[in-house]
Protein backbone atom coordinates (compact mmCIF):
# COMPACT_ATOMS: atom_id res chain seq x y z
CA UNK A 1 42.21 -54.31 -65.59
CA UNK A 2 42.81 -56.04 -62.40
CA UNK A 3 46.47 -56.48 -63.21
CA UNK A 4 46.94 -52.55 -63.85
CA UNK A 5 45.49 -52.14 -60.35
CA UNK A 6 47.88 -54.76 -58.92
CA UNK A 7 51.02 -53.21 -61.11
CA UNK A 8 50.30 -50.05 -59.57
CA UNK A 9 49.81 -51.18 -56.19
CA UNK A 10 53.16 -53.18 -56.15
CA UNK A 11 55.21 -50.35 -57.96
CA UNK A 12 53.73 -47.28 -56.87
CA UNK A 13 51.12 -47.27 -53.99
CA UNK A 14 52.74 -49.74 -51.51
CA UNK A 15 56.23 -48.35 -51.51
CA UNK A 16 54.49 -44.78 -51.13
CA UNK A 17 52.49 -45.87 -48.00
CA UNK A 18 55.22 -48.00 -46.77
CA UNK A 19 57.53 -44.71 -46.68
CA UNK A 20 54.56 -42.17 -45.15
CA UNK A 21 54.01 -45.33 -42.43
CA UNK A 22 57.83 -44.97 -41.67
CA UNK A 23 57.56 -41.19 -41.49
CA UNK A 24 54.83 -41.29 -38.94
CA UNK A 25 56.54 -43.66 -37.14
CA UNK A 26 59.84 -41.27 -37.27
CA UNK A 27 57.53 -38.43 -36.09
CA UNK A 28 56.36 -40.49 -32.90
CA UNK A 29 59.87 -41.62 -32.21
CA UNK A 30 61.27 -37.92 -32.25
CA UNK A 31 57.97 -37.08 -30.01
CA UNK A 32 58.69 -39.65 -27.56
CA UNK A 33 62.55 -38.72 -27.50
CA UNK A 34 61.77 -35.09 -27.08
CA UNK A 35 59.16 -35.64 -24.39
CA UNK A 36 61.53 -37.35 -22.24
CA UNK A 37 64.90 -35.76 -22.98
CA UNK A 38 64.16 -32.14 -23.70
CA UNK A 39 61.63 -32.18 -20.43
CA UNK A 40 63.87 -34.06 -18.20
CA UNK A 41 67.18 -31.63 -18.91
CA UNK A 42 65.46 -28.46 -19.14
CA UNK A 43 62.08 -29.04 -17.36
CA UNK A 44 60.68 -26.94 -20.02
CA UNK A 45 56.98 -27.40 -20.19
CA UNK A 46 56.88 -26.20 -23.82
CA UNK A 47 59.02 -29.16 -25.01
CA UNK A 48 56.52 -31.52 -23.01
CA UNK A 49 53.76 -30.46 -25.06
CA UNK A 50 55.67 -30.35 -28.19
CA UNK A 51 56.58 -33.92 -27.42
CA UNK A 52 53.03 -34.69 -26.65
CA UNK A 53 51.88 -33.16 -29.96
CA UNK A 54 54.69 -35.16 -32.10
CA UNK A 55 53.33 -38.29 -30.41
CA UNK A 56 49.90 -37.85 -31.41
CA UNK A 57 50.20 -36.98 -34.90
CA UNK A 58 52.73 -39.81 -35.39
CA UNK A 59 50.10 -42.23 -34.22
CA UNK A 60 47.46 -40.09 -36.60
CA UNK A 61 49.66 -40.85 -39.40
CA UNK A 62 50.46 -44.60 -38.62
CA UNK A 63 46.80 -45.07 -38.33
CA UNK A 64 45.80 -43.37 -41.48
CA UNK A 65 48.46 -45.40 -43.34
CA UNK A 66 47.36 -48.64 -42.09
CA UNK A 67 43.93 -47.54 -43.06
CA UNK A 68 45.03 -46.91 -46.43
CA UNK A 69 46.59 -50.39 -46.69
CA UNK A 70 43.36 -51.53 -45.80
CA UNK A 71 41.17 -49.40 -48.48
CA UNK A 72 43.53 -50.44 -51.01
CA UNK A 73 43.30 -54.14 -50.41
CA UNK A 74 39.64 -53.78 -50.44
CA UNK A 75 39.86 -51.69 -53.95
CA UNK A 76 42.15 -54.47 -55.26
CA UNK A 77 39.84 -57.53 -54.40
CA UNK A 78 36.87 -55.72 -55.76
CA UNK A 79 38.60 -55.11 -59.22
CA UNK A 80 39.94 -58.31 -59.29
CA UNK A 81 36.72 -60.19 -59.03
CA UNK A 82 35.50 -58.55 -62.03
């Protein structure tokens, strides 16, 4: 059972979590760019709010993925202890 969980973690879960973490980072970076560049060029308050929202949700996404890594590690250690 422990080997199956470890194999699933290595082959499917970890790459998926890394991909989703990278997506959260991309959303955050996009929000930073949107906040600074669109706001400074056009002075558009709506672009500033959009940038803030993208940064916030990017951070939330990265936090969720980091938490998922921890939860998966706990589950894997629990299963391996049996």
